[in-house]
Protein backbone atom coordinates (compact mmCIF):
# COMPACT_ATOMS: atom_id res chain seq x y z
CA MET A 1 -0.02 0.01 0.15
CA MET A 2 1.26 3.43 -1.01
CA LEU A 3 0.76 6.21 1.23
CA GLN A 4 0.47 9.47 -0.52
CA THR A 5 0.26 12.98 1.32
CA THR A 6 -0.42 16.34 -0.02
CA VAL A 7 1.79 19.33 0.83
CA HIS A 8 0.71 22.76 0.69
CA ALA A 9 2.83 26.06 0.65
CA ALA A 10 1.98 29.50 1.58
CA ALA A 11 1.79 31.95 -1.29
CA GLN A 12 0.96 35.56 -1.61
CA SER A 13 -0.91 37.33 -4.30
CA ARG A 14 -0.37 40.87 -5.08
CA ALA A 15 -2.93 43.64 -4.09
CA HIS A 16 -5.07 44.72 -7.08
CA GLY A 17 -6.76 48.34 -6.54
CA THR A 18 -8.52 48.33 -3.47
CA THR A 19 -8.28 44.29 -3.13
CA ALA A 20 -5.69 43.45 -0.31
CA ALA A 21 -2.81 40.72 -1.02
CA LEU A 22 -4.00 37.49 0.20
CA TRP A 23 -2.33 34.35 1.37
CA HIS A 24 -3.33 31.29 -0.57
CA ALA A 25 -2.47 27.46 -0.55
CA VAL A 26 -0.28 25.93 -3.63
CA GLU A 27 -0.20 22.23 -3.68
CA LEU A 28 3.52 21.25 -4.40
CA HIS A 29 4.60 18.64 -6.47
CA ARG A 30 8.28 19.18 -5.95
CA PRO A 31 10.53 20.21 -2.99
CA VAL A 32 10.19 23.81 -1.88
CA ALA A 33 14.13 24.32 -2.54
CA GLU A 34 13.05 23.96 -6.30
CA ILE A 35 10.47 26.90 -6.11
CA ASP A 36 12.28 29.62 -8.36
CA GLY A 37 9.98 32.58 -7.17
CA ALA A 38 7.82 32.42 -10.17
CA CYS A 39 4.16 32.59 -9.45
CA GLU A 40 2.37 29.19 -8.95
CA LEU A 41 -1.36 28.42 -9.22
CA ALA A 42 -3.00 28.50 -6.03
CA LEU A 43 -5.74 25.96 -4.96
CA CYS A 44 -8.37 28.75 -5.61
CA GLY A 45 -6.93 29.32 -9.20
CA SER A 46 -5.34 32.39 -8.34
CA LEU A 47 -1.68 33.34 -9.36
CA ALA A 48 0.58 33.83 -6.33
CA ARG A 49 3.96 33.78 -5.23
CA VAL A 50 5.21 30.87 -2.70
CA ASP A 51 7.17 32.17 0.20
CA PRO A 52 9.30 29.49 1.52
CA GLU A 53 9.52 31.10 4.88
CA GLN A 54 5.76 31.13 5.46
CA THR A 55 3.98 27.75 6.41
CA TRP A 56 0.34 26.79 5.61
CA PRO A 57 -2.03 26.58 6.92
CA ARG A 58 -2.25 30.55 7.62
CA THR A 59 -4.51 32.22 9.96
CA GLY A 60 -5.82 35.76 9.85
CA ALA A 61 -8.09 37.94 7.90
CA ASP A 62 -5.73 38.04 4.80
CA VAL A 63 -6.23 34.30 4.03
CA CYS A 64 -7.90 33.09 0.85
CA PRO A 65 -11.21 31.64 2.11
CA ALA A 66 -11.36 29.42 -0.96
CA CYS A 67 -7.82 27.95 -0.49
CA ALA A 68 -8.45 27.51 3.28
CA ALA A 69 -11.62 25.51 2.29
CA LEU A 70 -9.79 23.49 -0.45
CA SER A 71 -6.68 22.61 1.66
CA ARG A 72 -8.68 20.73 4.32
């Protein structure tokens, strides 16, 4: 039997107009060390830049509600 785990990384989107930057969850299929700073597709479909110094799950008002629900 093979055990499969899903790892999520924290990524922050850019603020757009009056919209604040949000923390998103990105599903990783490679080690965090291989993330090159480019934007990645978040669980909710937004593009966000992974921050290897941050962990997921995040808490607070600046967390994408869709990513929070989809990462459970």
